[in-house]
Protein backbone atom coordinates (compact mmCIF):
# COMPACT_ATOMS: atom_id res chain seq x y z
CA UNK A 1 -26.38 47.58 4.78
CA UNK A 2 -24.72 49.17 1.64
CA UNK A 3 -21.71 46.91 0.26
CA UNK A 4 -18.41 49.33 1.12
CA UNK A 5 -16.31 47.50 -1.29
CA UNK A 6 -18.25 49.22 -4.18
CA UNK A 7 -18.09 52.96 -4.28
CA UNK A 8 -20.76 55.09 -3.03
CA UNK A 9 -21.82 55.84 -6.90
CA UNK A 10 -22.64 52.02 -6.85
CA UNK A 11 -25.02 51.72 -3.94
CA UNK A 12 -26.90 53.97 -1.87
CA UNK A 13 -24.69 54.26 1.54
CA UNK A 14 -26.92 56.21 3.61
CA UNK A 15 -25.49 58.52 6.55
CA UNK A 16 -27.01 60.36 9.09
CA UNK A 17 -25.36 63.41 10.30
CA UNK A 18 -26.48 64.79 13.46
CA UNK A 19 -24.87 68.22 14.37
CA UNK A 20 -26.50 71.48 16.00
CA UNK A 21 -24.35 74.08 14.16
CA UNK A 22 -25.75 74.88 11.10
CA UNK A 23 -22.18 75.76 9.37
CA UNK A 24 -20.68 72.50 10.55
CA UNK A 25 -23.80 70.70 9.61
CA UNK A 26 -24.03 71.84 6.21
CA UNK A 27 -19.91 71.51 5.80
CA UNK A 28 -20.63 67.66 6.49
CA UNK A 29 -23.40 67.28 4.53
CA UNK A 30 -22.13 68.68 1.40
CA UNK A 31 -18.37 67.14 2.13
CA UNK A 32 -20.25 63.53 2.14
CA UNK A 33 -22.65 64.44 -0.57
CA UNK A 34 -19.46 65.19 -2.61
CA UNK A 35 -18.42 61.50 -2.07
CA UNK A 36 -21.63 60.26 -3.25
CA UNK A 37 -23.38 59.33 -0.14
CA UNK A 38 -27.29 59.67 0.51
CA UNK A 39 -26.91 62.19 3.52
CA UNK A 40 -29.82 62.90 5.90
CA UNK A 41 -29.23 65.50 8.60
CA UNK A 42 -30.68 66.63 11.93
CA UNK A 43 -30.23 69.62 14.41
CA UNK A 44 -29.71 67.35 17.82
CA UNK A 45 -29.78 63.90 19.35
CA UNK A 46 -33.43 63.67 19.75
CA UNK A 47 -34.23 64.17 16.33
CA UNK A 48 -31.51 61.82 15.15
CA UNK A 49 -32.76 58.77 17.30
CA UNK A 50 -36.36 59.43 15.45
CA UNK A 51 -34.45 59.20 12.30
CA UNK A 52 -32.79 55.91 13.40
CA UNK A 53 -36.16 54.53 14.54
CA UNK A 54 -37.74 55.53 11.27
CA UNK A 55 -35.22 54.66 8.81
CA UNK A 56 -31.84 52.52 8.06
CA UNK A 57 -28.60 53.91 8.15
CA UNK A 58 -25.22 52.55 6.91
CA UNK A 59 -23.35 55.28 9.21
CA UNK A 60 -24.08 57.41 12.09
CA UNK A 61 -21.73 60.83 12.18
CA UNK A 62 -22.69 62.73 15.32
CA UNK A 63 -21.41 65.79 17.14
CA UNK A 64 -20.73 64.95 20.97
CA UNK A 65 -22.01 68.18 22.38
CA UNK A 66 -25.70 68.96 21.39
CA UNK A 67 -28.97 70.14 23.45
CA UNK A 68 -31.52 67.39 23.80
CA UNK A 69 -29.56 64.29 23.73
CA UNK A 70 -25.70 64.57 23.47
CA UNK A 71 -23.64 62.54 21.03
CA UNK A 72 -22.44 60.02 23.67
CA UNK A 73 -26.23 59.27 25.04
CA UNK A 74 -27.00 59.03 21.09
CA UNK A 75 -24.42 56.39 20.30
CA UNK A 76 -25.25 54.18 23.29
CA UNK A 77 -28.84 54.10 22.08
CA UNK A 78 -28.12 53.97 18.16
CA UNK A 79 -25.67 50.70 19.32
CA UNK A 80 -28.70 49.18 21.24
CA UNK A 81 -30.79 49.33 18.28
CA UNK A 82 -28.33 49.27 15.17
CA UNK A 83 -25.37 47.37 16.80
CA UNK A 84 -23.82 46.69 13.06
CA UNK A 85 -23.95 50.32 12.40
CA UNK A 86 -20.69 52.40 12.54
CA UNK A 87 -20.55 55.43 14.52
CA UNK A 88 -17.99 58.48 13.74
CA UNK A 89 -18.40 61.27 16.66
CA UNK A 90 -16.92 64.75 16.00
CA UNK A 91 -16.05 67.39 18.66
CA UNK A 92 -14.07 70.45 19.36
CA UNK A 93 -13.53 69.93 23.09
CA UNK A 94 -10.87 67.60 24.21
CA UNK A 95 -12.45 66.30 27.18
CA UNK A 96 -15.24 65.05 25.00
CA UNK A 97 -12.77 63.54 22.93
CA UNK A 98 -11.60 61.60 25.77
CA UNK A 99 -14.88 60.78 27.28
CA UNK A 100 -15.83 59.11 24.12
CA UNK A 101 -13.07 56.94 24.17
CA UNK A 102 -14.70 54.79 26.39
CA UNK A 103 -16.94 53.66 23.90
CA UNK A 104 -14.35 51.78 21.43
CA UNK A 105 -16.69 49.05 20.93
CA UNK A 106 -19.42 51.46 19.54
CA UNK A 107 -17.48 54.45 17.96
CA UNK A 108 -15.48 53.87 15.02
CA UNK A 109 -13.63 57.33 15.41
CA UNK A 110 -13.69 60.50 17.12
CA UNK A 111 -12.33 63.19 15.16
CA UNK A 112 -11.48 66.93 16.03
CA UNK A 113 -12.75 69.98 14.91
CA UNK A 114 -11.86 71.67 12.96
CA UNK A 115 -11.45 69.00 10.23
CA UNK A 116 -11.17 69.19 6.33
CA UNK A 117 -13.36 67.36 3.88
CA UNK A 118 -10.69 64.55 3.56
CA UNK A 119 -10.72 63.87 7.26
CA UNK A 120 -14.49 63.17 7.07
CA UNK A 121 -14.52 61.45 4.05
CA UNK A 122 -11.75 59.05 5.26
CA UNK A 123 -13.62 58.70 8.78
CA UNK A 124 -16.97 57.38 7.00
CA UNK A 125 -14.97 55.24 4.41
CA UNK A 126 -12.90 53.41 7.23
CA UNK A 127 -16.43 53.27 9.23
CA UNK A 128 -18.01 51.58 5.98
CA UNK A 129 -14.92 49.46 5.57
CA UNK A 130 -14.94 48.44 9.22
CA UNK A 131 -18.72 47.27 9.01
CA UNK A 132 -18.07 45.34 5.85
CA UNK A 133 -15.83 43.12 7.82
């Protein structure tokens, strides 16, 4: 796992983004790449699970409401396979945000859509610092 105490420019911090809405996915990817992170983006939970089994990532950033495997199920599966990898969930639905709060042991933070560049970058930085402890 990358050392979160160093800046992203010093390490290859790898982030997996799972988001089915193209515009949101592209925004999150650009926002995180602008912070110096290496980002892999996928369109749903099934594809995210395949990537997690194929490669190692430092953080998972996932939408909650997606086709195939939703973000909650993905977080549960990812937590079993990579228990040290922090997870950031995103949602535009208040009821889904409440549902995710039952996963405090797995999920670093749930951020509400719409969010800005600073919010997603801060959420990932916080998740990385948590994993470095």
